[in-house]
Amino acid sequence: MNREQWLTNALTPIAALFKSATSTRANSQPLTLPIETIKVSVGFPRNTRTKKNANSEAIGQCWSSDCSAERYTEIFISPTIADPIRALDILIHECIHATIGNEHGHKAPFKRAAKALGLEGKATHTTAGPELTKRLNAIANELGPYPHAALTPGAAGAAGTTSGKKKQSTRMIKVECSCCGYTVRTTQTWLDKSGAPLCPTNTCDNHTQPMEPAQ
């Protein structure tokens, strides 16, 4: 079994979670996950590897069937995620989009569904609550080990790109006021040339004394 198969197999028990969550939502539309029209893959969400979005924290993405030549809703889980429980709760988040429609974004319909399923936190960055975590552990045990090792974007980035973390050419040294705790960073060159800077605050007795390197 590869990682895509593992995630696809997870859709069936997740659909059961959606169905059971519906019974707790009075006067609302049923949460029916259309697993027959969903494809799940591992891949970087769009725009998260560009220079402009190098620090993006997006770890999942749901694409409408309108974007697919095969008319499938396509979900992507970031390859930076290797923990099976985290992969599953991200999958649930994206499955909500697939169920209610991307046009709702993370507004009220999404929030209601997320709460009913046991997701917690800010709507754009949900995580599984305690009860949902228990259920996801049971699902993961049935599926077996998640066949994926985390991919960590490094200094080199992907072939042919300039994305990824750049090597820091100059080490910045933090200096701190021993009185008020004010901190600032500077280079060793400036420390050697001009000495440590003075604390700029007027809230302590050390504003005329050089700040000291912090540990």
Foldseek 3Di string as FASTA:
>chain_A
DALQVLLLVLVVVLQVLQQVLQVVDPPDDRQGQPSVQEGEEEADPPPCFDPVNLPPPDQKDWAALVVPPVSGTYMYGYLQDQDQQQSVVRVSLRSQCVRPHCVCPQDDSSVSSCVSSQWDDDSRDTHHDPVNSVVSVVSCVVSDHNNGDHDAFDCPGDPPDRTGDHDDPFDWFWFAAPWPGDIDTDGVVCCVVPNADAQCDPPDPRNVPGTGTDD
